[in-house]
């Protein structure tokens, strides 16, 4: 079977065109090819440090690379803009037994989602998450603010998440981890870790705003100077968000039981 890296290499012409779609008008094929070569190198690096991904279906790996390039993000591990994780997808039934294959799944982290929203023009700026604390020192609320386009002038969209949300997130985490929620929900004065809560609030806050990448002006260079969250925080949050019971991950959707998709 053709390896994932070989399949991606074979798809370089398509990947170059995807990169060109994101570059300013007038960019050369050589510029796009250099970026594709870098992403292939990033993929090789990821595969070397996360060997569990080597068993993923090569076509799923290629699709992840395409999606990352389409989102104008990078697979570079030190950028922490995307989170890659293995999962299983049902491919049919044999003798009344469901058959699965390993696939590679892709999810932008909180910082990746900020980048996508900025590129789409959905947000113009953002502030770092702000917190309030209860009498015991535990996080009581986390607030995220996004500067959004509006008429007659941009306005700050303020979204606050409190303990009811934290409990809801914790319950979903427990369901994914077989009854025991991610430790970040109780690691800070018996409450949620602030940085973890901030990354979670950015994800859910941006989900409320929505994003359409096709709205962006492809002729404008986008400055990636958003207020990023700590790398360890966004990686932990993405890992928790994408944990699926029984390690079966077919879609990233909290309302769907992946075991019922086959």
Protein backbone atom coordinates (compact mmCIF):
# COMPACT_ATOMS: atom_id res chain seq x y z
CA UNK A 1 0.00 0.00 0.00
CA UNK A 2 1.20 3.48 -0.85
CA UNK A 3 2.45 5.36 2.21
CA UNK A 4 0.83 8.60 3.37
CA UNK A 5 3.96 10.65 2.65
CA UNK A 6 4.22 9.18 -0.87
CA UNK A 7 0.57 9.99 -1.55
CA UNK A 8 1.01 13.57 -0.33
CA UNK A 9 4.14 13.94 -2.48
CA UNK A 10 2.15 12.73 -5.50
CA UNK A 11 -0.51 15.37 -4.74
CA UNK A 12 1.95 18.29 -4.78
CA UNK A 13 0.44 19.95 -7.90
CA UNK A 14 -2.98 20.08 -6.24
CA UNK A 15 -1.51 21.29 -2.95
CA UNK A 16 0.40 24.04 -4.78
CA UNK A 17 -2.85 25.30 -6.30
CA UNK A 18 -4.49 25.31 -2.85
CA UNK A 19 -1.61 27.37 -1.49
CA UNK A 20 -1.83 29.82 -4.40
CA UNK A 21 -5.51 30.38 -3.57
CA UNK A 22 -4.41 31.71 -0.17
CA UNK A 23 -1.44 33.81 -1.34
CA UNK A 24 -1.78 37.44 -2.50
CA UNK A 25 -2.54 37.96 -6.19
CA UNK A 26 0.63 37.70 -8.25
CA UNK A 27 2.39 35.17 -6.02
CA UNK A 28 4.56 32.71 -7.92
CA UNK A 29 4.25 28.96 -8.21
CA UNK A 30 7.75 28.76 -6.71
CA UNK A 31 6.54 30.49 -3.54
CA UNK A 32 3.62 28.09 -3.28
CA UNK A 33 5.86 25.08 -3.90
CA UNK A 34 8.19 26.15 -1.08
CA UNK A 35 5.25 26.29 1.34
CA UNK A 36 4.06 22.84 0.23
CA UNK A 37 7.55 21.40 0.75
CA UNK A 38 7.56 22.89 4.25
CA UNK A 39 4.20 21.31 5.07
CA UNK A 40 5.36 17.92 3.81
CA UNK A 41 8.38 18.30 6.09
CA UNK A 42 6.08 19.20 8.98
CA UNK A 43 4.00 16.09 8.27
CA UNK A 44 7.12 13.93 8.30
CA UNK A 45 8.15 15.46 11.62
CA UNK A 46 4.73 14.80 13.15
CA UNK A 47 4.75 11.20 11.95
CA UNK A 48 8.17 10.68 13.52
CA UNK A 49 7.17 12.00 16.95
CA UNK A 50 3.66 10.50 16.91
CA UNK A 51 4.18 7.01 15.41
CA UNK A 52 0.58 6.07 16.29
CA UNK A 53 -0.45 8.15 13.28
CA UNK A 54 1.49 5.93 10.87
CA UNK A 55 -1.33 3.37 10.88
CA UNK A 56 -3.87 5.93 9.63
CA UNK A 57 -5.30 5.50 6.14
CA UNK A 58 -3.02 7.39 3.68
CA UNK A 59 -5.99 9.05 1.94
CA UNK A 60 -7.18 10.48 5.28
CA UNK A 61 -3.69 11.90 5.86
CA UNK A 62 -3.68 13.58 2.46
CA UNK A 63 -7.13 15.07 3.12
CA UNK A 64 -5.87 16.50 6.42
CA UNK A 65 -2.96 18.19 4.64
CA UNK A 66 -5.38 19.63 2.07
CA UNK A 67 -7.70 20.92 4.79
CA UNK A 68 -4.85 22.53 6.70
CA UNK A 69 -3.59 24.29 3.58
CA UNK A 70 -7.13 25.36 2.63
CA UNK A 71 -7.51 26.90 6.09
CA UNK A 72 -4.19 28.71 5.54
CA UNK A 73 -2.75 27.16 8.69
CA UNK A 74 0.38 25.09 9.21
CA UNK A 75 1.06 21.63 10.56
CA UNK A 76 4.24 22.88 12.27
CA UNK A 77 4.09 21.42 15.82
CA UNK A 78 5.60 24.52 17.44
CA UNK A 79 2.81 26.68 15.98
CA UNK A 80 0.08 24.65 17.75
CA UNK A 81 -2.52 25.82 15.24
CA UNK A 82 -3.90 22.35 14.50
CA UNK A 83 -4.42 19.17 16.46
CA UNK A 84 -4.11 15.81 14.71
CA UNK A 85 -5.46 12.64 16.26
CA UNK A 86 -6.16 9.08 15.12
CA UNK A 87 -9.67 7.68 15.04
CA UNK A 88 -11.77 4.97 13.46
CA UNK A 89 -14.43 5.16 10.79
CA UNK A 90 -16.90 2.42 9.94
CA UNK A 91 -16.39 1.11 6.40
CA UNK A 92 -19.09 -1.55 6.34
CA UNK A 93 -20.28 -4.79 7.87
CA UNK A 94 -18.96 -8.32 7.37
CA UNK A 95 -20.87 -11.25 8.89
CA UNK A 96 -22.86 -8.77 10.98
CA UNK A 97 -19.62 -7.36 12.38
CA UNK A 98 -18.86 -3.68 11.84
CA UNK A 99 -15.52 -3.09 10.14
CA UNK A 100 -13.40 -0.05 10.95
CA UNK A 101 -10.28 1.54 9.59
CA UNK A 102 -7.85 3.97 11.19
CA UNK A 103 -8.10 7.53 9.90
CA UNK A 104 -6.35 10.78 10.69
CA UNK A 105 -8.58 13.54 12.08
CA UNK A 106 -7.91 17.27 12.00
CA UNK A 107 -9.10 20.03 14.29
CA UNK A 108 -7.84 23.64 14.53
CA UNK A 109 -6.88 24.56 18.09
CA UNK A 110 -8.20 27.70 19.76
CA UNK A 111 -5.31 29.64 18.21
CA UNK A 112 -5.99 28.06 14.82
CA UNK A 113 -9.64 29.06 15.05
CA UNK A 114 -8.65 32.62 15.89
CA UNK A 115 -6.45 32.68 12.80
CA UNK A 116 -9.24 31.34 10.57
CA UNK A 117 -11.73 33.87 11.94
CA UNK A 118 -9.30 36.73 11.34
CA UNK A 119 -8.57 35.58 7.80
CA UNK A 120 -12.28 35.38 7.06
CA UNK A 121 -12.73 38.91 8.39
CA UNK A 122 -15.16 37.59 11.00
CA UNK A 123 -13.06 39.15 13.77
CA UNK A 124 -10.67 42.09 13.52
CA UNK A 125 -8.99 41.65 16.88
CA UNK A 126 -9.39 39.82 20.17
CA UNK A 127 -8.49 40.28 23.81
CA UNK A 128 -6.93 37.71 26.08
CA UNK A 129 -9.48 35.84 28.20
CA UNK A 130 -10.34 37.62 31.46
CA UNK A 131 -11.30 35.77 34.64
CA UNK A 132 -13.18 36.33 37.86
CA UNK A 133 -12.68 34.12 40.92
CA UNK A 134 -14.89 32.98 43.77
CA UNK A 135 -14.04 33.20 47.47
CA UNK A 136 -12.07 29.94 47.34
CA UNK A 137 -9.89 31.20 44.50
CA UNK A 138 -11.50 28.97 41.87
CA UNK A 139 -12.40 30.39 38.46
CA UNK A 140 -15.95 31.76 38.57
CA UNK A 141 -16.25 33.17 35.01
CA UNK A 142 -14.13 33.52 31.88
CA UNK A 143 -14.86 36.27 29.37
CA UNK A 144 -13.64 36.49 25.79
CA UNK A 145 -13.97 39.59 23.62
CA UNK A 146 -13.82 39.74 19.83
CA UNK A 147 -13.76 42.93 17.76
CA UNK A 148 -16.25 42.18 14.99
CA UNK A 149 -17.20 44.13 11.84
CA UNK A 150 -20.38 46.10 12.34
CA UNK A 151 -22.23 49.14 11.02
CA UNK A 152 -21.40 51.99 11.36
CA UNK A 153 -18.18 50.89 13.12
CA UNK A 154 -16.67 47.70 14.58
CA UNK A 155 -17.95 46.63 18.01
CA UNK A 156 -16.63 44.39 20.75
CA UNK A 157 -18.58 41.15 21.11
CA UNK A 158 -18.35 40.08 24.77
CA UNK A 159 -19.06 36.43 25.64
CA UNK A 160 -18.93 35.16 29.22
CA UNK A 161 -18.91 31.54 30.39
CA UNK A 162 -19.55 30.66 34.04
CA UNK A 163 -19.67 27.61 36.28
CA UNK A 164 -22.80 26.14 34.64
CA UNK A 165 -20.83 25.99 31.39
CA UNK A 166 -17.79 24.55 33.17
CA UNK A 167 -19.99 21.81 34.62
CA UNK A 168 -21.52 21.08 31.22
CA UNK A 169 -18.06 20.81 29.67
CA UNK A 170 -16.92 18.62 32.55
CA UNK A 171 -19.86 16.24 32.12
CA UNK A 172 -19.16 15.87 28.42
CA UNK A 173 -15.51 15.25 29.20
CA UNK A 174 -16.45 12.53 31.69
CA UNK A 175 -18.64 10.87 29.06
CA UNK A 176 -15.71 10.84 26.65
CA UNK A 177 -13.22 9.51 29.19
CA UNK A 178 -15.34 6.68 30.54
CA UNK A 179 -16.74 8.54 33.56
CA UNK A 180 -13.62 10.40 34.69
CA UNK A 181 -13.36 13.98 33.44
CA UNK A 182 -10.14 15.61 32.27
CA UNK A 183 -8.06 16.66 35.28
CA UNK A 184 -7.93 20.27 34.07
CA UNK A 185 -11.50 20.73 35.33
CA UNK A 186 -10.41 20.38 38.98
CA UNK A 187 -6.69 21.23 38.96
CA UNK A 188 -6.89 24.90 40.04
CA UNK A 189 -8.20 25.40 43.59
CA UNK A 190 -10.55 22.46 42.94
CA UNK A 191 -11.90 24.28 39.89
CA UNK A 192 -11.10 24.57 36.20
CA UNK A 193 -7.58 25.56 35.15
CA UNK A 194 -7.69 29.21 33.93
CA UNK A 195 -5.60 28.72 30.77
CA UNK A 196 -7.59 25.63 29.86
CA UNK A 197 -10.84 27.54 30.47
CA UNK A 198 -9.57 30.40 28.30
CA UNK A 199 -8.85 28.11 25.36
CA UNK A 200 -12.21 26.40 25.81
CA UNK A 201 -13.98 29.80 25.90
CA UNK A 202 -12.26 30.91 22.68
CA UNK A 203 -13.38 27.75 20.90
CA UNK A 204 -17.00 28.00 22.04
CA UNK A 205 -17.09 31.77 21.63
CA UNK A 206 -15.95 31.57 18.02
CA UNK A 207 -18.47 28.79 17.40
CA UNK A 208 -21.19 31.25 18.40
CA UNK A 209 -19.91 33.78 15.85
CA UNK A 210 -19.50 31.36 12.95
CA UNK A 211 -16.96 31.60 10.14
CA UNK A 212 -17.14 31.44 6.36
CA UNK A 213 -13.67 31.37 4.82
CA UNK A 214 -15.11 32.23 1.41
CA UNK A 215 -16.03 35.70 2.70
CA UNK A 216 -12.42 36.77 2.98
CA UNK A 217 -10.63 39.01 0.50
CA UNK A 218 -8.02 36.69 -0.98
CA UNK A 219 -6.01 39.65 -2.30
CA UNK A 220 -5.19 40.91 1.18
CA UNK A 221 -2.29 39.61 3.25
CA UNK A 222 -3.45 38.70 6.74
CA UNK A 223 -1.33 39.71 9.72
CA UNK A 224 -1.27 36.89 12.27
CA UNK A 225 -0.91 39.09 15.36
CA UNK A 226 -3.91 37.81 17.31
CA UNK A 227 -3.71 37.38 21.07
CA UNK A 228 -2.68 33.74 21.17
CA UNK A 229 -3.13 31.35 24.07
CA UNK A 230 -0.20 29.34 25.51
CA UNK A 231 0.74 26.40 23.31
CA UNK A 232 0.40 23.84 26.09
CA UNK A 233 -3.05 25.17 26.89
CA UNK A 234 -4.48 24.99 23.37
CA UNK A 235 -3.03 21.52 22.80
CA UNK A 236 -4.52 20.21 26.06
CA UNK A 237 -7.88 21.76 25.22
CA UNK A 238 -7.93 20.28 21.72
CA UNK A 239 -6.90 16.90 23.07
CA UNK A 240 -9.78 16.97 25.56
CA UNK A 241 -12.27 18.31 23.04
CA UNK A 242 -11.52 15.53 20.59
CA UNK A 243 -11.39 12.62 23.00
CA UNK A 244 -14.10 10.18 21.99
CA UNK A 245 -15.24 7.21 24.02
CA UNK A 246 -13.82 3.90 22.74
CA UNK A 247 -11.40 5.93 20.58
CA UNK A 248 -13.88 5.99 17.69
CA UNK A 249 -13.66 9.43 16.07
CA UNK A 250 -15.52 10.05 12.85
CA UNK A 251 -16.67 13.63 13.20
CA UNK A 252 -16.02 16.46 15.63
CA UNK A 253 -19.57 17.02 16.88
CA UNK A 254 -20.57 16.90 20.54
CA UNK A 255 -24.19 16.14 19.68
CA UNK A 256 -23.49 12.94 17.73
CA UNK A 257 -22.64 9.57 19.22
CA UNK A 258 -19.88 8.30 16.89
CA UNK A 259 -20.79 4.69 17.67
CA UNK A 260 -24.12 5.26 15.90
CA UNK A 261 -22.68 6.56 12.66
CA UNK A 262 -22.17 3.16 11.04
